[in-house]
Every structure is written in structure tokens, then in C-alpha cells.
Protein backbone atom coordinates (compact mmCIF):
# COMPACT_ATOMS: atom_id res chain seq x y z
CA MET A 1 48.94 -146.93 -4.89
CA MET A 2 46.16 -145.98 -2.47
CA GLN A 3 48.60 -146.20 0.47
CA LYS A 4 50.96 -143.75 -1.27
CA LEU A 5 48.13 -141.33 -1.98
CA LEU A 6 46.97 -141.45 1.64
CA ALA A 7 50.52 -140.89 2.92
CA MET A 8 50.97 -137.95 0.57
CA HIS A 9 47.61 -136.55 1.67
CA ARG A 10 48.67 -136.77 5.34
CA ARG A 11 51.98 -134.99 4.64
CA ILE A 12 50.21 -132.23 2.71
CA GLY A 13 47.63 -131.91 5.49
CA ALA A 14 50.35 -131.56 8.12
CA PHE A 15 52.09 -128.92 5.99
CA ASP A 16 48.77 -127.09 5.46
CA ALA A 17 48.13 -127.06 9.21
CA GLN A 18 51.57 -125.57 9.93
CA LEU A 19 51.18 -123.04 7.12
CA ALA A 20 47.74 -122.03 8.38
CA GLU A 21 48.96 -121.72 11.96
CA TRP A 22 52.00 -119.57 11.15
CA GLY A 23 50.26 -117.71 8.33
CA GLY A 24 47.40 -116.89 10.69
CA ALA A 25 49.89 -115.76 13.33
CA ALA A 26 51.65 -113.46 10.86
CA LEU A 27 48.33 -112.12 9.61
CA GLY A 28 47.18 -111.48 13.19
CA LEU A 29 50.39 -109.58 13.93
CA ALA A 30 50.05 -107.52 10.76
CA LEU A 31 46.41 -106.79 11.54
CA ARG A 32 47.19 -105.74 15.11
CA CYS A 33 49.99 -103.43 13.95
CA TYR A 34 47.93 -101.92 11.13
CA ILE A 35 44.85 -101.15 13.17
CA GLY A 36 46.92 -100.04 16.15
CA TRP A 37 48.89 -97.63 13.97
CA GLN A 38 45.69 -95.99 12.70
CA PHE A 39 44.57 -95.14 16.22
CA PHE A 40 48.03 -94.32 17.55
CA LYS A 41 48.51 -91.68 14.83
CA ALA A 42 45.20 -90.07 15.77
CA GLY A 43 46.22 -90.02 19.44
CA MET A 44 49.55 -88.39 18.62
CA VAL A 45 47.77 -85.68 16.61
CA LYS A 46 45.54 -85.01 19.61
CA LEU A 47 48.54 -84.75 21.93
CA GLY A 48 50.44 -82.61 19.44
CA ASP A 49 48.00 -79.73 19.84
CA TRP A 50 46.19 -80.29 23.10
CA GLY A 51 44.50 -76.88 23.03
CA ALA A 52 42.93 -77.61 19.64
CA THR A 53 41.93 -81.07 20.83
CA ARG A 54 40.12 -79.64 23.84
CA GLU A 55 38.33 -77.14 21.62
CA LEU A 56 37.27 -79.88 19.20
CA PHE A 57 35.80 -81.88 22.06
CA ARG A 58 34.01 -78.78 23.34
CA LEU A 59 32.65 -77.55 20.02
CA GLU A 60 32.61 -80.36 17.43
CA TYR A 61 32.61 -83.75 19.08
CA HIS A 62 29.55 -84.43 21.18
CA VAL A 63 30.51 -87.42 23.29
CA PRO A 64 27.45 -88.66 25.15
CA LEU A 65 27.49 -88.67 28.97
CA LEU A 66 31.01 -87.25 29.36
CA PRO A 67 32.21 -83.71 29.92
CA PRO A 68 34.32 -82.53 26.96
CA ASP A 69 37.63 -82.33 28.86
CA LEU A 70 37.25 -85.84 30.27
CA ALA A 71 36.23 -87.15 26.84
CA ALA A 72 39.36 -85.57 25.33
CA VAL A 73 41.63 -87.18 27.92
CA MET A 74 39.94 -90.57 27.58
CA GLY A 75 39.93 -90.42 23.79
CA ALA A 76 43.57 -89.43 23.46
CA GLY A 77 44.63 -91.84 26.20
CA GLY A 78 42.76 -94.70 24.58
CA GLU A 79 44.28 -93.89 21.21
CA ILE A 80 47.79 -93.97 22.69
CA VAL A 81 47.72 -96.82 25.22
CA LEU A 82 45.36 -99.34 23.61
CA PRO A 83 47.16 -99.49 20.24
CA LEU A 84 50.46 -100.18 22.01
CA LEU A 85 48.89 -103.06 23.93
CA LEU A 86 47.29 -104.35 20.74
CA ALA A 87 50.53 -104.23 18.73
CA LEU A 88 52.42 -106.05 21.48
CA GLY A 89 49.67 -108.59 21.82
CA LEU A 90 49.30 -107.86 25.52
CA LEU A 91 45.76 -107.83 26.90
CA SER A 92 44.81 -108.00 23.24
CA ARG A 93 41.14 -108.78 23.53
CA PRO A 94 40.41 -106.00 26.04
CA ALA A 95 42.54 -103.60 23.96
CA ALA A 96 40.64 -104.53 20.78
CA LEU A 97 37.30 -104.06 22.55
CA GLY A 98 38.48 -100.75 24.01
CA LEU A 99 39.52 -99.50 20.58
CA PHE A 100 36.21 -100.72 19.19
CA LEU A 101 34.47 -98.47 21.74
CA VAL A 102 36.80 -95.55 20.92
CA ASN A 103 35.96 -96.08 17.24
CA LEU A 104 32.24 -96.25 17.99
CA MET A 105 32.40 -93.06 20.08
CA ALA A 106 34.28 -91.30 17.28
CA VAL A 107 31.50 -92.13 14.84
CA LEU A 108 28.63 -91.35 17.21
CA SER A 109 30.10 -88.12 18.56
CA TYR A 110 30.89 -86.58 15.19
CA PRO A 111 27.51 -86.31 13.43
CA GLN A 112 29.03 -84.77 10.29
CA LEU A 113 30.12 -88.29 9.32
CA PHE A 114 26.47 -89.25 9.01
CA ASP A 115 25.84 -86.48 6.50
CA PHE A 116 27.91 -88.62 4.13
CA ALA A 117 30.11 -85.65 3.40
CA CYS A 118 33.02 -88.01 4.08
CA PRO A 119 32.02 -91.49 2.84
CA ALA A 120 35.64 -92.66 2.91
CA ALA A 121 35.90 -91.73 6.60
CA VAL A 122 32.71 -93.61 7.40
CA ASN A 123 34.01 -96.66 5.53
CA ASP A 124 37.33 -96.50 7.38
CA HIS A 125 35.51 -96.58 10.71
CA LYS A 126 33.38 -99.52 9.55
CA TYR A 127 36.44 -101.51 8.47
CA TRP A 128 38.35 -100.69 11.63
CA GLY A 129 35.37 -101.73 13.72
CA MET A 130 35.07 -105.05 11.91
CA LEU A 131 38.81 -105.74 12.18
CA LEU A 132 38.77 -104.93 15.88
CA LEU A 133 35.87 -107.33 16.43
CA VAL A 134 37.79 -110.06 14.58
CA LEU A 135 40.75 -109.50 16.90
CA ALA A 136 38.50 -109.48 19.96
CA VAL A 137 36.82 -112.74 18.97
CA PHE A 138 39.79 -114.71 17.60
CA GLY A 139 42.51 -113.25 19.80
CA PRO A 140 45.96 -111.98 18.92
CA GLY A 141 47.38 -115.19 17.52
CA ARG A 142 50.57 -117.07 18.16
CA LEU A 143 52.92 -114.08 17.77
CA SER A 144 51.80 -112.19 20.87
CA LEU A 145 52.80 -111.59 24.45
CA ASP A 146 49.43 -112.98 25.50
CA ARG A 147 50.31 -116.36 23.96
CA TRP A 148 53.83 -116.28 25.41
CA LEU A 149 52.49 -115.53 28.89
CA GLN A 150 49.87 -118.22 28.51
CA ARG A 151 52.52 -120.82 27.64
CA ARG A 152 54.73 -119.70 30.55
CA ALA A 153 51.83 -119.99 32.98
CA GLY A 154 51.25 -123.56 31.83
């Protein structure tokens, strides 16, 4: 009886390991696509009306250490390129860290968020920051170009 229980336990454990591996991979892909989409949309809005974007960076957003026009280009560029890399799972950790910095700059350079006039916006940035750190620490998962390239390289 004990032998049968141990054998069943081993089979369940092997199934659990496979489920966790593929479930984690699917969750990582979903997380990368979700967080990437949030930033990509913001980048497309910036590109959609570049004149307004430049004015926002001149008058509203106070990015430390950067001139407003350079900050606008870097912000929009980061919100377009980094989410694509993240969703593909290519250079995922650097892309997640880059988006974390874009997110941090967005919060720091727009002081109206700290007035708690927009608590939902502040919470969104907190959640996005935490999710990006999770991706940076744990990586993109099995369903990524990073993993595929790693396996091809040996």
C-alpha cells in the first residue's frame, strides 16, 4: 500500500512540476504582454500628437537632469521600443528595468500625482513598477525569445 502511495505521489509531483513550469511560462507571457501594452499605448498617444507631447514635457512634466525635448524623445521612444522587446521576450530583463525607470520618471516628473488628486493613477504606477521588478528578477519565462536564443546557444 505504501509503495502505491509513493508511486502516486511521484506521478502527481511530476505533473505538478510540468503544470507549474508551463503555467508560469503562460503567466510570464501574459504579464509581459499586459504591462507592455500599458506603456505602448502611452507611447502611441505621445507620437499621435507630438506637438502636445513636447508642450507637456516643457510645461507639465519636470524630468530631472534632461532638457524637455530630449526627455520627450526618450520617454516616447522608451514607451514604444521597450514594450515590444518585453512582449517578444527579447532582452527582457533590460527592457523590464528600462520600463521600470520610465515608470519611475513618470511618477517623479509629474508632481500632481503626489497631490493624491489621482489615487488610481498612483496605484497603477505602483503595480506596474512591482510587476516590472518581478519580470526583471525572474526573467521572461519559457515562452520568450530570450529562452529560445539561450537554448540555441547551448
